Protein backbone atom coordinates (compact mmCIF):
# COMPACT_ATOMS: atom_id res chain seq x y z
CA MET A 1 -24.51 -11.51 2.90
CA THR A 2 -24.14 -11.40 6.65
CA GLU A 3 -22.37 -8.30 7.93
CA LYS A 4 -20.24 -7.68 10.98
CA THR A 5 -19.48 -4.36 12.64
CA ILE A 6 -15.89 -3.63 13.63
CA SER A 7 -14.16 -0.55 14.96
CA ALA A 8 -10.86 0.96 13.92
CA GLU A 9 -8.53 3.53 15.37
CA LEU A 10 -7.31 6.11 12.86
CA ASP A 11 -5.03 9.10 12.89
CA ILE A 12 -6.83 12.44 12.49
CA GLU A 13 -5.60 13.00 8.92
CA THR A 14 -6.97 9.66 7.67
CA ALA A 15 -10.28 10.18 9.47
CA GLU A 16 -10.60 13.61 7.85
CA GLN A 17 -9.84 12.15 4.42
CA ILE A 18 -12.54 9.51 4.87
CA SER A 19 -14.98 12.17 6.04
CA ALA A 20 -14.23 14.41 3.04
CA LEU A 21 -14.52 11.50 0.61
CA SER A 22 -17.83 10.44 2.13
CA GLN A 23 -19.22 13.94 1.57
CA MET A 24 -17.96 14.04 -2.04
CA GLU A 25 -19.45 10.62 -2.76
CA ASN A 26 -22.66 11.30 -0.79
CA ARG A 27 -22.05 8.13 1.23
CA SER A 28 -21.64 7.45 4.93
CA THR A 29 -18.21 7.28 6.50
CA SER A 30 -19.03 3.66 7.29
CA GLN A 31 -19.59 2.89 3.60
CA ILE A 32 -16.29 4.54 2.62
CA ALA A 33 -14.38 2.77 5.39
CA SER A 34 -15.94 -0.56 4.42
CA ALA A 35 -14.92 -0.13 0.78
CA ALA A 36 -11.38 0.83 1.80
CA ILE A 37 -11.07 -2.23 4.05
CA LYS A 38 -12.40 -4.52 1.30
CA LEU A 39 -9.85 -3.11 -1.16
CA GLY A 40 -7.07 -3.45 1.39
CA ALA A 41 -8.04 -7.04 2.11
CA MET A 42 -7.54 -7.89 -1.57
CA LEU A 43 -3.92 -6.68 -1.55
CA PRO A 44 -1.23 -9.36 -1.58
CA HIS A 45 0.79 -9.99 1.56
CA ASN A 46 3.90 -8.25 0.19
CA ALA A 47 1.93 -5.02 -0.30
CA TRP A 48 0.98 -5.07 3.39
CA SER A 49 4.53 -5.91 4.42
CA ALA A 50 5.91 -2.98 2.40
CA SER A 51 3.52 -0.52 4.00
CA TYR A 52 4.80 -1.35 7.50
CA SER A 53 8.51 -1.36 6.79
């Protein structure tokens, strides 16, 4: 699979949560962020709409 690098701006709390999770899982922050984005991309539109209301 071809990959693409993107950047994201996060609040400090979320960045710290990703960092802590990456340490617990012995994975890079990039791997954790990628998994989170993939999961988020699978959510239906109404789930995204509800999170920004």
